[in-house]
Amino acid sequence: QVQLVESGGDLVQPGGSLRLSCAASGFILDYYAIGWFRQVPGKEREGVSCLKTVDGATYYADSVKGRFTISRDSANNILYLQMTSLKPEDTGVYYCAVDILPLQLTCLRPSAYDDWGQGTQVTVSS
């Protein structure tokens, strides 16, 4: 059974930095997509950043380009999201997810993903 556990969420001031981690277990795949998503109450879950293992390509939402970096430790099955220059609008619950059949081109659509973690809260406020 696939399990994804996020950690690293915290309360930070605008302009600060934070690194989120996602520990993955329960699956063995050569090619898949894995990504970070966030959700604010009353709004749809949105794609933040994702990675395709077939070629190592990464994708970012326009709102986080230049500020966030996605990476992975493939040996230990850990996905990271390094967030810098945080803004209040970055506030939300952040989830990691795995798409085991990565047919989408940009891997940022939440509906394509099969397995989700429980989420970790990120709050950016002064």
C-alpha atoms as a PDB file:
ATOM      1  CA  GLN A   1       0.000   0.000   0.000  1.00  0.00           C
ATOM      2  CA  VAL A   2       1.383   3.385  -1.012  1.00  0.00           C
ATOM      3  CA  GLN A   3       2.064   5.744   1.856  1.00  0.00           C
ATOM      4  CA  LEU A   4       3.132   9.376   1.634  1.00  0.00           C
ATOM      5  CA  VAL A   5       3.963  11.360   4.747  1.00  0.00           C
ATOM      6  CA  GLU A   6       4.618  15.101   4.550  1.00  0.00           C
ATOM      7  CA  SER A   7       6.523  17.080   7.137  1.00  0.00           C
ATOM      8  CA  GLY A   8       8.212  20.432   7.586  1.00  0.00           C
ATOM      9  CA  GLY A   9       5.253  22.787   7.595  1.00  0.00           C
ATOM     10  CA  ASP A  10       5.502  25.722   9.975  1.00  0.00           C
ATOM     11  CA  LEU A  11       4.614  29.329  10.683  1.00  0.00           C
ATOM     12  CA  VAL A  12       7.065  31.683   8.968  1.00  0.00           C
ATOM     13  CA  GLN A  13       7.282  35.395   8.255  1.00  0.00           C
ATOM     14  CA  PRO A  14       7.013  36.821   4.737  1.00  0.00           C
ATOM     15  CA  GLY A  15      10.355  36.552   2.977  1.00  0.00           C
ATOM     16  CA  GLY A  16      11.333  33.500   4.973  1.00  0.00           C
ATOM     17  CA  SER A  17      12.240  30.016   3.823  1.00  0.00           C
ATOM     18  CA  LEU A  18      10.981  26.537   4.531  1.00  0.00           C
ATOM     19  CA  ARG A  19      11.727  23.026   3.297  1.00  0.00           C
ATOM     20  CA  LEU A  20       9.009  20.425   3.077  1.00  0.00           C
ATOM     21  CA  SER A  21       9.686  16.703   2.936  1.00  0.00           C
ATOM     22  CA  CYS A  22       7.617  13.773   1.743  1.00  0.00           C
ATOM     23  CA  ALA A  23       8.602  10.245   2.691  1.00  0.00           C
ATOM     24  CA  ALA A  24       7.238   7.682   0.255  1.00  0.00           C
ATOM     25  CA  SER A  25       6.854   3.939   0.686  1.00  0.00           C
ATOM     26  CA  GLY A  26       4.837   0.999  -0.558  1.00  0.00           C
ATOM     27  CA  PHE A  27       5.604   1.093  -4.273  1.00  0.00           C
ATOM     28  CA  ILE A  28       8.393   0.250  -6.683  1.00  0.00           C
ATOM     29  CA  LEU A  29       8.241   2.007 -10.018  1.00  0.00           C
ATOM     30  CA  ASP A  30      10.742   3.128 -12.611  1.00  0.00           C
ATOM     31  CA  TYR A  31       8.635   5.894 -14.106  1.00  0.00           C
ATOM     32  CA  TYR A  32       6.070   8.002 -12.305  1.00  0.00           C
ATOM     33  CA  ALA A  33       5.232  11.588 -11.513  1.00  0.00           C
ATOM     34  CA  ILE A  34       5.424  12.986  -8.021  1.00  0.00           C
ATOM     35  CA  GLY A  35       4.444  16.455  -6.970  1.00  0.00           C
ATOM     36  CA  TRP A  36       3.460  19.033  -4.419  1.00  0.00           C
ATOM     37  CA  PHE A  37       0.018  20.572  -4.206  1.00  0.00           C
ATOM     38  CA  ARG A  38      -1.605  23.056  -1.877  1.00  0.00           C
ATOM     39  CA  GLN A  39      -5.104  23.879  -0.794  1.00  0.00           C
ATOM     40  CA  VAL A  40      -6.766  26.799   0.929  1.00  0.00           C
ATOM     41  CA  PRO A  41     -10.264  26.445   2.430  1.00  0.00           C
ATOM     42  CA  GLY A  42     -12.886  27.343  -0.150  1.00  0.00           C
ATOM     43  CA  LYS A  43     -10.557  26.907  -3.106  1.00  0.00           C
ATOM     44  CA  GLU A  44      -9.601  23.993  -5.308  1.00  0.00           C
ATOM     45  CA  ARG A  45      -6.382  22.153  -4.740  1.00  0.00           C
ATOM     46  CA  GLU A  46      -3.687  23.484  -7.057  1.00  0.00           C
ATOM     47  CA  GLY A  47      -0.467  22.090  -8.426  1.00  0.00           C
ATOM     48  CA  VAL A  48       2.642  23.774  -7.046  1.00  0.00           C
ATOM     49  CA  SER A  49       5.483  21.732  -8.493  1.00  0.00           C
ATOM     50  CA  CYS A  50       6.054  18.250  -9.865  1.00  0.00           C
ATOM     51  CA  LEU A  51       8.709  15.956 -11.242  1.00  0.00           C
ATOM     52  CA  LYS A  52       8.679  13.192 -13.845  1.00  0.00           C
ATOM     53  CA  THR A  53      11.150  10.400 -13.210  1.00  0.00           C
ATOM     54  CA  VAL A  54      11.245   9.291 -16.858  1.00  0.00           C
ATOM     55  CA  ASP A  55      13.406  12.271 -17.775  1.00  0.00           C
ATOM     56  CA  GLY A  56      13.827  14.266 -14.581  1.00  0.00           C
ATOM     57  CA  ALA A  57      11.772  17.152 -15.923  1.00  0.00           C
ATOM     58  CA  THR A  58      10.336  19.536 -13.357  1.00  0.00           C
ATOM     59  CA  TYR A  59       7.370  21.867 -13.550  1.00  0.00           C
ATOM     60  CA  TYR A  60       6.226  24.817 -11.481  1.00  0.00           C
ATOM     61  CA  ALA A  61       3.132  26.903 -11.124  1.00  0.00           C
ATOM     62  CA  ASP A  62       3.683  30.442 -12.399  1.00  0.00           C
ATOM     63  CA  SER A  63       3.123  31.822  -8.924  1.00  0.00           C
ATOM     64  CA  VAL A  64       6.137  29.989  -7.462  1.00  0.00           C
ATOM     65  CA  LYS A  65       8.649  30.011 -10.316  1.00  0.00           C
ATOM     66  CA  GLY A  66      11.991  31.341  -9.176  1.00  0.00           C
ATOM     67  CA  ARG A  67      11.117  30.865  -5.512  1.00  0.00           C
ATOM     68  CA  PHE A  68      10.439  27.131  -5.054  1.00  0.00           C
ATOM     69  CA  THR A  69      12.614  24.168  -5.999  1.00  0.00           C
ATOM     70  CA  ILE A  70      11.524  20.539  -6.154  1.00  0.00           C
ATOM     71  CA  SER A  71      14.027  17.735  -5.712  1.00  0.00           C
ATOM     72  CA  ARG A  72      14.196  14.126  -4.619  1.00  0.00           C
ATOM     73  CA  ASP A  73      16.425  11.666  -2.858  1.00  0.00           C
ATOM     74  CA  SER A  74      15.637   8.620  -4.965  1.00  0.00           C
ATOM     75  CA  ALA A  75      17.724   6.236  -2.854  1.00  0.00           C
ATOM     76  CA  ASN A  76      15.683   7.018   0.248  1.00  0.00           C
ATOM     77  CA  ASN A  77      12.351   7.787  -1.449  1.00  0.00           C
ATOM     78  CA  ILE A  78      12.099  11.336  -0.187  1.00  0.00           C
ATOM     79  CA  LEU A  79      10.672  14.282  -2.083  1.00  0.00           C
ATOM     80  CA  TYR A  80      11.553  17.837  -1.101  1.00  0.00           C
ATOM     81  CA  LEU A  81      10.154  21.264  -1.758  1.00  0.00           C
ATOM     82  CA  GLN A  82      12.507  24.111  -0.928  1.00  0.00           C
ATOM     83  CA  MET A  83      10.522  27.306  -0.553  1.00  0.00           C
ATOM     84  CA  THR A  84      12.137  30.740  -0.406  1.00  0.00           C
ATOM     85  CA  SER A  85      10.888  34.327  -0.452  1.00  0.00           C
ATOM     86  CA  LEU A  86       7.623  33.121   1.010  1.00  0.00           C
ATOM     87  CA  LYS A  87       4.529  35.259   0.637  1.00  0.00           C
ATOM     88  CA  PRO A  88       1.252  35.282   2.577  1.00  0.00           C
ATOM     89  CA  GLU A  89      -0.486  33.823  -0.477  1.00  0.00           C
ATOM     90  CA  ASP A  90       1.704  30.731  -0.157  1.00  0.00           C
ATOM     91  CA  THR A  91      -0.269  29.820   2.959  1.00  0.00           C
ATOM     92  CA  GLY A  92      -2.120  26.531   2.750  1.00  0.00           C
ATOM     93  CA  VAL A  93      -2.029  22.824   3.406  1.00  0.00           C
ATOM     94  CA  TYR A  94       0.668  21.244   1.277  1.00  0.00           C
ATOM     95  CA  TYR A  95       0.276  17.705  -0.003  1.00  0.00           C
ATOM     96  CA  CYS A  96       2.542  15.383  -1.913  1.00  0.00           C
ATOM     97  CA  ALA A  97       1.111  12.878  -4.352  1.00  0.00           C
ATOM     98  CA  VAL A  98       2.136  10.157  -6.814  1.00  0.00           C
ATOM     99  CA  ASP A  99       0.814   9.549 -10.315  1.00  0.00           C
ATOM    100  CA  ILE A 100       1.732   5.982 -11.266  1.00  0.00           C
ATOM    101  CA  LEU A 101       0.689   6.441 -14.902  1.00  0.00           C
ATOM    102  CA  PRO A 102       2.159   9.849 -15.781  1.00  0.00           C
ATOM    103  CA  LEU A 103       0.463  10.559 -19.089  1.00  0.00           C
ATOM    104  CA  GLN A 104      -0.034  14.271 -18.477  1.00  0.00           C
ATOM    105  CA  LEU A 105       2.558  16.564 -19.999  1.00  0.00           C
ATOM    106  CA  THR A 106       3.126  18.991 -17.140  1.00  0.00           C
ATOM    107  CA  CYS A 107       2.076  16.810 -14.148  1.00  0.00           C
ATOM    108  CA  LEU A 108       0.392  19.716 -12.350  1.00  0.00           C
ATOM    109  CA  ARG A 109      -3.234  18.574 -12.506  1.00  0.00           C
ATOM    110  CA  PRO A 110      -4.391  17.161  -9.136  1.00  0.00           C
ATOM    111  CA  SER A 111      -7.017  14.931 -10.770  1.00  0.00           C
ATOM    112  CA  ALA A 112      -4.329  12.799 -12.407  1.00  0.00           C
ATOM    113  CA  TYR A 113      -2.788  11.656  -9.133  1.00  0.00           C
ATOM    114  CA  ASP A 114      -3.507   8.350  -7.465  1.00  0.00           C
ATOM    115  CA  ASP A 115      -2.109   8.539  -3.951  1.00  0.00           C
ATOM    116  CA  TRP A 116      -1.936  11.418  -1.496  1.00  0.00           C
ATOM    117  CA  GLY A 117      -0.335  12.212   1.808  1.00  0.00           C
ATOM    118  CA  GLN A 118      -2.093  13.721   4.792  1.00  0.00           C
ATOM    119  CA  GLY A 119      -0.761  17.234   4.253  1.00  0.00           C
ATOM    120  CA  THR A 120       1.307  19.677   6.267  1.00  0.00           C
ATOM    121  CA  GLN A 121       0.296  23.220   7.157  1.00  0.00           C
ATOM    122  CA  VAL A 122       2.323  26.162   5.916  1.00  0.00           C
ATOM    123  CA  THR A 123       1.408  29.584   7.251  1.00  0.00           C
ATOM    124  CA  VAL A 124       3.149  32.744   6.069  1.00  0.00           C
ATOM    125  CA  SER A 125       2.232  35.693   8.233  1.00  0.00           C
ATOM    126  CA  SER A 126       3.766  38.622  10.076  1.00  0.00           C
END
